[in-house]
Amino acid sequence: MKSECILNEEEKLFSEALCFIAGTQQVSVSSVQRKLNIGYNLAACLVMKMEEQKFITPPIYSGKRLVLINKEFKKSIRNLIKHKFFLLWKLII
């Protein structure tokens, strides 16, 4: 049960980070860290995961990355999260 809680917390942080970068169209480890109020290592892992899943580019020049998702994606993520929690709630009841 504890591992499920950890996984859900990581998924929640990842989706919050995606919403953040979709809204600002900028990404850096430190900005994700500040926005989500998490440690630098966890923020770095989230940014690496975004890169692996092609939401952002690898560092191009001077460490800058491009965001490959648009602001409309933020709405989709929010709706998906609401739907997922609704389905989990239905399973519990």
N, C-alpha and C. Protein backbone atom coordinates (compact mmCIF):
# COMPACT_ATOMS: atom_id res chain seq x y z
N MET A 1 0.82 -1.19 0.00
CA MET A 1 0.00 0.00 0.00
C MET A 1 0.87 1.26 0.00
N LYS A 2 1.98 1.22 0.75
CA LYS A 2 2.85 2.39 0.81
C LYS A 2 3.44 2.69 -0.56
N SER A 3 3.83 1.66 -1.32
CA SER A 3 4.40 1.90 -2.63
C SER A 3 3.38 2.53 -3.57
N GLU A 4 2.10 2.18 -3.43
CA GLU A 4 1.05 2.80 -4.24
C GLU A 4 0.95 4.28 -3.92
N CYS A 5 1.04 4.62 -2.64
CA CYS A 5 0.97 6.03 -2.23
C CYS A 5 2.14 6.81 -2.80
N ILE A 6 3.31 6.22 -2.76
CA ILE A 6 4.50 6.88 -3.31
C ILE A 6 4.35 7.07 -4.81
N LEU A 7 3.89 6.04 -5.50
CA LEU A 7 3.70 6.12 -6.95
C LEU A 7 2.69 7.20 -7.29
N ASN A 8 1.59 7.24 -6.58
CA ASN A 8 0.59 8.26 -6.85
C ASN A 8 1.13 9.65 -6.58
N GLU A 9 1.94 9.81 -5.54
CA GLU A 9 2.54 11.11 -5.24
C GLU A 9 3.50 11.52 -6.35
N GLU A 10 4.28 10.59 -6.86
CA GLU A 10 5.20 10.89 -7.96
C GLU A 10 4.43 11.26 -9.22
N GLU A 11 3.34 10.54 -9.49
CA GLU A 11 2.52 10.86 -10.66
C GLU A 11 1.91 12.26 -10.51
N LYS A 12 1.47 12.58 -9.32
CA LYS A 12 0.88 13.90 -9.06
C LYS A 12 1.92 15.00 -9.27
N LEU A 13 3.12 14.81 -8.74
CA LEU A 13 4.18 15.80 -8.93
C LEU A 13 4.54 15.95 -10.40
N PHE A 14 4.61 14.83 -11.10
CA PHE A 14 4.95 14.87 -12.52
C PHE A 14 3.89 15.64 -13.31
N SER A 15 2.62 15.37 -13.03
CA SER A 15 1.56 16.08 -13.75
C SER A 15 1.55 17.56 -13.39
N GLU A 16 1.82 17.90 -12.14
CA GLU A 16 1.91 19.31 -11.74
C GLU A 16 3.07 20.00 -12.45
N ALA A 17 4.18 19.30 -12.56
CA ALA A 17 5.34 19.86 -13.27
C ALA A 17 5.02 20.07 -14.75
N LEU A 18 4.32 19.12 -15.36
CA LEU A 18 3.94 19.27 -16.77
C LEU A 18 3.01 20.46 -16.95
N CYS A 19 2.05 20.62 -16.07
CA CYS A 19 1.14 21.77 -16.14
C CYS A 19 1.92 23.07 -16.01
N PHE A 20 2.87 23.08 -15.11
CA PHE A 20 3.68 24.28 -14.89
C PHE A 20 4.46 24.66 -16.14
N ILE A 21 5.17 23.70 -16.73
CA ILE A 21 5.98 24.03 -17.91
C ILE A 21 5.11 24.32 -19.12
N ALA A 22 3.95 23.69 -19.21
CA ALA A 22 3.04 23.99 -20.32
C ALA A 22 2.54 25.42 -20.22
N GLY A 23 2.30 25.87 -19.00
CA GLY A 23 1.81 27.24 -18.80
C GLY A 23 2.86 28.30 -19.02
N THR A 24 4.08 28.03 -18.58
CA THR A 24 5.15 29.04 -18.68
C THR A 24 5.95 28.92 -19.98
N GLN A 25 5.91 27.75 -20.61
CA GLN A 25 6.70 27.46 -21.80
C GLN A 25 8.19 27.62 -21.56
N GLN A 26 8.61 27.42 -20.30
CA GLN A 26 10.02 27.43 -19.93
C GLN A 26 10.22 26.31 -18.92
N VAL A 27 11.41 25.72 -18.93
CA VAL A 27 11.70 24.66 -17.97
C VAL A 27 13.14 24.75 -17.51
N SER A 28 13.30 24.59 -16.21
CA SER A 28 14.62 24.42 -15.61
C SER A 28 14.39 23.62 -14.33
N VAL A 29 15.42 22.94 -13.91
CA VAL A 29 15.30 22.15 -12.69
C VAL A 29 14.97 23.06 -11.51
N SER A 30 15.63 24.20 -11.45
CA SER A 30 15.40 25.08 -10.30
C SER A 30 14.00 25.69 -10.31
N SER A 31 13.44 25.98 -11.49
CA SER A 31 12.08 26.53 -11.51
C SER A 31 11.06 25.48 -11.10
N VAL A 32 11.26 24.24 -11.51
CA VAL A 32 10.37 23.15 -11.09
C VAL A 32 10.50 22.94 -9.58
N GLN A 33 11.72 23.00 -9.10
CA GLN A 33 11.98 22.84 -7.66
C GLN A 33 11.24 23.91 -6.86
N ARG A 34 11.36 25.15 -7.28
CA ARG A 34 10.71 26.25 -6.56
C ARG A 34 9.20 26.16 -6.65
N LYS A 35 8.67 25.88 -7.83
CA LYS A 35 7.23 25.84 -8.03
C LYS A 35 6.57 24.73 -7.21
N LEU A 36 7.19 23.55 -7.19
CA LEU A 36 6.59 22.40 -6.50
C LEU A 36 7.05 22.28 -5.05
N ASN A 37 7.99 23.15 -4.67
CA ASN A 37 8.52 23.13 -3.29
C ASN A 37 9.08 21.75 -2.93
N ILE A 38 9.99 21.27 -3.79
CA ILE A 38 10.60 19.95 -3.61
C ILE A 38 12.11 20.11 -3.67
N GLY A 39 12.82 19.04 -3.39
CA GLY A 39 14.27 19.06 -3.44
C GLY A 39 14.80 19.10 -4.87
N TYR A 40 16.05 19.53 -5.00
CA TYR A 40 16.67 19.66 -6.32
C TYR A 40 16.76 18.31 -7.03
N ASN A 41 17.14 17.25 -6.29
CA ASN A 41 17.29 15.93 -6.92
C ASN A 41 15.98 15.42 -7.49
N LEU A 42 14.88 15.59 -6.75
CA LEU A 42 13.58 15.14 -7.24
C LEU A 42 13.16 15.97 -8.46
N ALA A 43 13.40 17.28 -8.41
CA ALA A 43 13.08 18.14 -9.55
C ALA A 43 13.90 17.72 -10.78
N ALA A 44 15.16 17.38 -10.58
CA ALA A 44 16.01 16.93 -11.69
C ALA A 44 15.47 15.63 -12.28
N CYS A 45 15.00 14.73 -11.43
CA CYS A 45 14.42 13.47 -11.91
C CYS A 45 13.16 13.74 -12.73
N LEU A 46 12.34 14.68 -12.29
CA LEU A 46 11.12 15.02 -13.03
C LEU A 46 11.47 15.60 -14.40
N VAL A 47 12.46 16.47 -14.44
CA VAL A 47 12.88 17.07 -15.71
C VAL A 47 13.45 16.00 -16.64
N MET A 48 14.23 15.08 -16.10
CA MET A 48 14.78 13.99 -16.91
C MET A 48 13.65 13.11 -17.46
N LYS A 49 12.63 12.86 -16.64
CA LYS A 49 11.49 12.06 -17.08
C LYS A 49 10.73 12.79 -18.20
N MET A 50 10.61 14.11 -18.08
CA MET A 50 9.96 14.90 -19.14
C MET A 50 10.73 14.79 -20.44
N GLU A 51 12.06 14.82 -20.32
CA GLU A 51 12.89 14.69 -21.52
C GLU A 51 12.75 13.30 -22.13
N GLU A 52 12.78 12.27 -21.31
CA GLU A 52 12.64 10.90 -21.80
C GLU A 52 11.31 10.68 -22.52
N GLN A 53 10.27 11.34 -22.02
CA GLN A 53 8.95 11.16 -22.61
C GLN A 53 8.64 12.21 -23.68
N LYS A 54 9.66 12.96 -24.09
CA LYS A 54 9.61 13.90 -25.20
C LYS A 54 8.66 15.08 -24.98
N PHE A 55 8.50 15.51 -23.72
CA PHE A 55 7.75 16.71 -23.43
C PHE A 55 8.63 17.95 -23.56
N ILE A 56 9.94 17.76 -23.41
CA ILE A 56 10.93 18.83 -23.54
C ILE A 56 12.12 18.29 -24.31
N THR A 57 12.95 19.21 -24.80
CA THR A 57 14.15 18.79 -25.53
C THR A 57 15.31 18.61 -24.56
N PRO A 58 16.35 17.91 -25.00
CA PRO A 58 17.59 17.92 -24.22
C PRO A 58 18.14 19.35 -24.22
N PRO A 59 19.08 19.64 -23.33
CA PRO A 59 19.66 20.99 -23.34
C PRO A 59 20.24 21.32 -24.72
N ILE A 60 19.89 22.48 -25.25
CA ILE A 60 20.32 22.86 -26.60
C ILE A 60 21.59 23.69 -26.52
N TYR A 61 21.53 24.84 -25.91
CA TYR A 61 22.69 25.70 -25.75
C TYR A 61 22.62 26.33 -24.37
N SER A 62 23.72 26.47 -23.77
CA SER A 62 23.84 27.02 -22.40
C SER A 62 22.81 26.43 -21.45
N GLY A 63 22.47 25.15 -21.65
CA GLY A 63 21.56 24.45 -20.75
C GLY A 63 20.09 24.71 -20.98
N LYS A 64 19.74 25.52 -21.96
CA LYS A 64 18.33 25.83 -22.23
C LYS A 64 17.64 24.64 -22.89
N ARG A 65 16.38 24.46 -22.53
CA ARG A 65 15.57 23.39 -23.10
C ARG A 65 14.31 24.02 -23.71
N LEU A 66 13.80 23.40 -24.75
CA LEU A 66 12.55 23.87 -25.34
C LEU A 66 11.40 22.99 -24.84
N VAL A 67 10.27 23.63 -24.60
CA VAL A 67 9.07 22.91 -24.18
C VAL A 67 8.32 22.50 -25.44
N LEU A 68 8.01 21.22 -25.58
CA LEU A 68 7.38 20.70 -26.79
C LEU A 68 5.87 20.52 -26.65
N ILE A 69 5.32 20.96 -25.54
CA ILE A 69 3.87 20.90 -25.35
C ILE A 69 3.34 22.32 -25.23
N ASN A 70 2.11 22.51 -25.66
CA ASN A 70 1.55 23.86 -25.63
C ASN A 70 0.65 24.08 -24.42
N LYS A 71 0.14 25.28 -24.31
CA LYS A 71 -0.68 25.64 -23.15
C LYS A 71 -1.99 24.86 -23.11
N GLU A 72 -2.50 24.43 -24.26
CA GLU A 72 -3.74 23.64 -24.29
C GLU A 72 -3.52 22.27 -23.62
N PHE A 73 -2.29 21.80 -23.67
CA PHE A 73 -1.97 20.52 -23.04
C PHE A 73 -2.23 20.58 -21.54
N LYS A 74 -2.05 21.75 -20.95
CA LYS A 74 -2.28 21.95 -19.52
C LYS A 74 -3.73 21.60 -19.17
N LYS A 75 -4.67 22.03 -19.98
CA LYS A 75 -6.09 21.72 -19.74
C LYS A 75 -6.33 20.23 -19.85
N SER A 76 -5.70 19.59 -20.83
CA SER A 76 -5.86 18.15 -21.00
C SER A 76 -5.35 17.38 -19.79
N ILE A 77 -4.21 17.79 -19.27
CA ILE A 77 -3.63 17.13 -18.09
C ILE A 77 -4.57 17.28 -16.90
N ARG A 78 -5.08 18.48 -16.68
CA ARG A 78 -5.99 18.72 -15.56
C ARG A 78 -7.23 17.83 -15.67
N ASN A 79 -7.80 17.75 -16.88
CA ASN A 79 -8.99 16.91 -17.08
C ASN A 79 -8.68 15.44 -16.87
N LEU A 80 -7.52 15.00 -17.33
CA LEU A 80 -7.11 13.61 -17.15
C LEU A 80 -6.95 13.28 -15.67
N ILE A 81 -6.37 14.18 -14.91
CA ILE A 81 -6.18 13.96 -13.47
C ILE A 81 -7.54 13.85 -12.78
N LYS A 82 -8.45 14.76 -13.10
CA LYS A 82 -9.78 14.71 -12.51
C LYS A 82 -10.47 13.40 -12.84
N HIS A 83 -10.36 12.97 -14.09
CA HIS A 83 -10.99 11.73 -14.53
C HIS A 83 -10.37 10.53 -13.81
N LYS A 84 -9.05 10.52 -13.68
CA LYS A 84 -8.36 9.42 -13.02
C LYS A 84 -8.78 9.31 -11.56
N PHE A 85 -8.84 10.44 -10.85
CA PHE A 85 -9.25 10.41 -9.46
C PHE A 85 -10.71 9.98 -9.32
N PHE A 86 -11.54 10.38 -10.28
CA PHE A 86 -12.93 9.96 -10.26
C PHE A 86 -13.03 8.44 -10.40
N LEU A 87 -12.25 7.88 -11.32
CA LEU A 87 -12.27 6.42 -11.52
C LEU A 87 -11.75 5.70 -10.28
N LEU A 88 -10.69 6.22 -9.66
CA LEU A 88 -10.18 5.60 -8.44
C LEU A 88 -11.21 5.66 -7.32
N TRP A 89 -11.91 6.76 -7.23
CA TRP A 89 -12.94 6.93 -6.21
C TRP A 89 -14.07 5.92 -6.43
N LYS A 90 -14.43 5.72 -7.70
CA LYS A 90 -15.49 4.75 -8.01
C LYS A 90 -15.05 3.33 -7.65
N LEU A 91 -13.78 3.02 -7.82
CA LEU A 91 -13.27 1.68 -7.48
C LEU A 91 -13.30 1.44 -5.98
N ILE A 92 -13.04 2.49 -5.22
CA ILE A 92 -13.01 2.36 -3.75
C ILE A 92 -14.41 2.11 -3.21
N ILE A 93 -15.38 2.80 -3.78
CA ILE A 93 -16.76 2.68 -3.28
C ILE A 93 -17.44 1.50 -3.83
